[in-house]
Amino acid sequence: MRLFSAALAIALVAAPATAALTVGAAAPDFTTRGAMAGKVIPVHLAEALKKGPVVLYFFPAAFTGGCNAEAHAFAEAIPAFKKAGAMVIGMSADDVPTLQRFSSEKCAGQFAVASAGPKVVQGYDVALKNGPAGRALTSRTSYVIGQDGRVAFVHDDLDPSRHVALTLAAVEKLRHPR
């Protein structure tokens, strides 16, 4: 496990950050399985968008330092996202049993985390380049998707520290355009 963690850390530093979807692009719809508060749930983007904008944030791997910190920060900010009318969904290539534990332990049961299969990873262009051999990982990319199904904001950075603040600002801008 220690070797994997070291390889993951090197891959995260070495990987270039590039998101293919740009502002204005249609966000690919998907249906997958995920978890919230340890309970397995279906996650369907089009259904979520009926309730308001969606912050779709991809993270490399559950139970790693940056991903734990990012999940905690999103969990703490959920009241602000709800006030702004948005839903947060975390996405990674992890399997559903791993995400069940992660949703309870690191997301504090505050938002759904879902398994991004190859089609979702390709559609959002979030495959982490130079990741450890044999392990599918996603880049740390956050999208704000408007109710119209279009990308309103993209933040693609392996550093998790600004994803929450920037996506919340983008959601608030959707509610109160200047």
Protein backbone atom coordinates (compact mmCIF):
# COMPACT_ATOMS: atom_id res chain seq x y z
CA MET A 1 0.00 0.00 0.00
CA ARG A 2 2.84 2.37 0.83
CA LEU A 3 4.36 1.78 -2.64
CA PHE A 4 0.99 2.55 -4.27
CA SER A 5 0.65 5.75 -2.23
CA ALA A 6 4.13 6.87 -3.28
CA ALA A 7 3.39 6.07 -6.93
CA LEU A 8 0.09 7.94 -6.71
CA ALA A 9 1.80 10.99 -5.21
CA ILE A 10 4.39 11.02 -8.00
CA ALA A 11 1.69 10.57 -10.65
CA LEU A 12 -0.37 13.41 -9.24
CA VAL A 13 2.59 15.77 -9.34
CA ALA A 14 3.74 14.65 -12.79
CA ALA A 15 0.36 14.63 -14.50
CA PRO A 16 -0.61 17.61 -16.64
CA ALA A 17 -3.93 19.23 -15.81
CA THR A 18 -6.16 19.61 -18.86
CA ALA A 19 -9.92 19.43 -19.10
CA ALA A 20 -11.46 18.83 -22.51
CA LEU A 21 -14.90 20.23 -21.79
CA THR A 22 -15.00 23.98 -22.03
CA VAL A 23 -17.52 26.52 -20.81
CA GLY A 24 -20.61 26.28 -22.99
CA ALA A 25 -20.08 22.62 -23.94
CA ALA A 26 -22.89 20.14 -23.41
CA ALA A 27 -22.18 18.03 -20.34
CA PRO A 28 -22.47 14.33 -21.21
CA ASP A 29 -25.41 12.73 -19.41
CA PHE A 30 -24.74 9.55 -17.45
CA THR A 31 -26.33 7.11 -15.08
CA THR A 32 -24.17 5.22 -12.60
CA ARG A 33 -24.16 3.90 -9.07
CA GLY A 34 -22.75 5.71 -6.13
CA ALA A 35 -23.25 6.19 -2.42
CA MET A 36 -24.44 8.74 0.07
CA ALA A 37 -23.95 8.27 3.80
CA GLY A 38 -22.87 4.68 3.08
CA LYS A 39 -26.05 3.78 1.19
CA VAL A 40 -25.85 2.71 -2.47
CA ILE A 41 -27.85 5.05 -4.71
CA PRO A 42 -28.38 5.61 -8.44
CA VAL A 43 -26.83 8.80 -9.79
CA HIS A 44 -28.28 10.27 -12.99
CA LEU A 45 -27.03 13.67 -14.10
CA ALA A 46 -30.19 14.65 -16.00
CA GLU A 47 -32.34 13.91 -12.93
CA ALA A 48 -30.04 15.94 -10.68
CA LEU A 49 -30.16 18.90 -13.08
CA LYS A 50 -33.95 19.05 -12.77
CA LYS A 51 -33.38 20.31 -9.20
CA GLY A 52 -30.79 22.96 -10.08
CA PRO A 53 -27.14 23.35 -11.10
CA VAL A 54 -24.75 20.49 -10.35
CA VAL A 55 -21.17 20.69 -9.16
CA LEU A 56 -19.58 17.57 -10.61
CA TYR A 57 -16.14 17.17 -9.12
CA PHE A 58 -13.79 14.40 -10.16
CA PHE A 59 -11.11 13.24 -7.73
CA PRO A 60 -8.27 10.74 -8.28
CA ALA A 61 -8.86 8.14 -5.56
CA ALA A 62 -10.79 7.79 -2.33
CA PHE A 63 -8.83 7.64 0.91
CA THR A 64 -5.82 9.58 -0.36
CA GLY A 65 -4.63 12.79 1.28
CA GLY A 66 -5.81 15.41 -1.22
CA CYS A 67 -9.08 13.61 -1.93
CA ASN A 68 -9.86 13.27 1.78
CA ALA A 69 -9.20 17.00 2.29
CA GLU A 70 -11.30 17.97 -0.73
CA ALA A 71 -14.23 15.75 0.36
CA HIS A 72 -14.10 17.26 3.85
CA ALA A 73 -14.08 20.81 2.41
CA PHE A 74 -17.05 20.07 0.14
CA ALA A 75 -18.93 18.47 3.07
CA GLU A 76 -18.42 21.58 5.18
CA ALA A 77 -19.62 23.80 2.32
CA ILE A 78 -22.80 21.83 1.50
CA PRO A 79 -25.07 24.32 3.33
CA ALA A 80 -23.71 27.14 1.12
CA PHE A 81 -24.17 25.06 -2.05
CA LYS A 82 -27.74 24.20 -1.02
CA LYS A 83 -28.47 27.86 -0.30
CA ALA A 84 -27.21 28.66 -3.82
CA GLY A 85 -29.53 25.95 -5.20
CA ALA A 86 -26.83 23.51 -6.30
CA MET A 87 -26.15 19.84 -5.73
CA VAL A 88 -22.62 18.43 -5.32
CA ILE A 89 -21.65 15.04 -6.74
CA GLY A 90 -18.15 13.64 -6.32
CA MET A 91 -16.88 11.26 -9.01
CA SER A 92 -13.94 8.86 -9.19
CA ALA A 93 -13.03 5.59 -10.84
CA ASP A 94 -13.25 3.84 -7.45
CA ASP A 95 -15.67 0.95 -7.05
CA VAL A 96 -19.00 1.40 -5.26
CA PRO A 97 -18.02 -0.47 -2.05
CA THR A 98 -15.03 1.87 -1.64
CA LEU A 99 -17.27 4.88 -2.27
CA GLN A 100 -19.78 3.62 0.30
CA ARG A 101 -17.11 3.85 3.00
CA PHE A 102 -15.73 7.12 1.61
CA SER A 103 -19.19 8.74 1.57
CA SER A 104 -19.63 8.03 5.27
CA GLU A 105 -16.11 8.58 6.54
CA LYS A 106 -14.77 11.46 4.45
CA CYS A 107 -17.88 13.11 2.95
CA ALA A 108 -19.72 13.00 6.29
CA GLY A 109 -22.83 11.77 4.46
CA GLN A 110 -23.34 15.28 3.05
CA PHE A 111 -23.27 14.55 -0.69
CA ALA A 112 -23.20 11.69 -3.17
CA VAL A 113 -20.04 10.18 -4.58
CA ALA A 114 -20.35 8.05 -7.69
CA SER A 115 -18.31 5.60 -9.70
CA ALA A 116 -17.11 7.02 -13.00
CA GLY A 117 -16.81 4.23 -15.52
CA PRO A 118 -14.69 4.45 -18.68
CA LYS A 119 -17.47 6.12 -20.72
CA VAL A 120 -17.91 8.92 -18.13
CA VAL A 121 -14.15 9.34 -17.73
CA GLN A 122 -13.76 9.64 -21.50
CA GLY A 123 -16.80 11.93 -21.92
CA TYR A 124 -15.46 14.39 -19.36
CA ASP A 125 -11.82 13.81 -20.39
CA VAL A 126 -10.69 13.23 -16.82
CA ALA A 127 -8.42 10.20 -17.19
CA LEU A 128 -5.35 10.91 -15.12
CA LYS A 129 -2.40 10.64 -17.43
CA ASN A 130 0.72 8.96 -16.05
CA GLY A 131 -1.22 7.26 -13.24
CA PRO A 132 0.12 4.12 -11.56
CA ALA A 133 0.01 1.11 -13.87
CA GLY A 134 -3.09 -1.02 -13.53
CA ARG A 135 -5.13 1.53 -11.58
CA ALA A 136 -7.71 3.79 -13.22
CA LEU A 137 -7.64 7.28 -11.74
CA THR A 138 -9.42 10.49 -12.62
CA SER A 139 -7.89 13.95 -12.66
CA ARG A 140 -8.99 16.52 -10.10
CA THR A 141 -11.41 18.47 -12.25
CA SER A 142 -14.50 20.33 -11.09
CA TYR A 143 -17.36 21.27 -13.38
CA VAL A 144 -20.34 23.48 -12.63
CA ILE A 145 -23.17 22.40 -14.89
CA GLY A 146 -26.15 24.69 -15.34
CA GLN A 147 -29.72 23.44 -15.44
CA ASP A 148 -29.54 23.73 -19.23
CA GLY A 149 -27.00 20.87 -19.22
CA ARG A 150 -24.14 23.11 -20.31
CA VAL A 151 -20.80 23.55 -18.60
CA ALA A 152 -20.82 26.92 -16.84
CA PHE A 153 -17.42 26.64 -15.14
CA VAL A 154 -14.34 24.38 -15.18
CA HIS A 155 -11.50 24.20 -12.67
CA ASP A 156 -8.81 21.65 -13.49
CA ASP A 157 -6.05 21.58 -10.87
CA LEU A 158 -4.51 18.73 -8.91
CA ASP A 159 -4.27 21.02 -5.88
CA PRO A 160 -7.59 20.50 -4.05
CA SER A 161 -7.44 23.75 -2.08
CA ARG A 162 -9.45 26.02 -4.42
CA HIS A 163 -12.06 23.69 -5.93
CA VAL A 164 -14.73 24.37 -3.31
CA ALA A 165 -14.38 28.16 -3.26
CA LEU A 166 -14.21 28.50 -7.03
CA THR A 167 -17.15 26.19 -7.76
CA LEU A 168 -19.28 27.88 -5.09
CA ALA A 169 -18.50 31.29 -6.61
CA ALA A 170 -19.47 29.95 -10.05
CA VAL A 171 -22.77 28.58 -8.72
CA GLU A 172 -23.55 31.88 -7.01
CA LYS A 173 -22.76 33.69 -10.28
CA LEU A 174 -25.35 31.50 -12.03
CA ARG A 175 -27.97 32.66 -9.52
CA HIS A 176 -26.93 36.32 -9.62
CA PRO A 177 -25.28 37.11 -12.97
CA ARG A 178 -23.71 40.54 -13.15
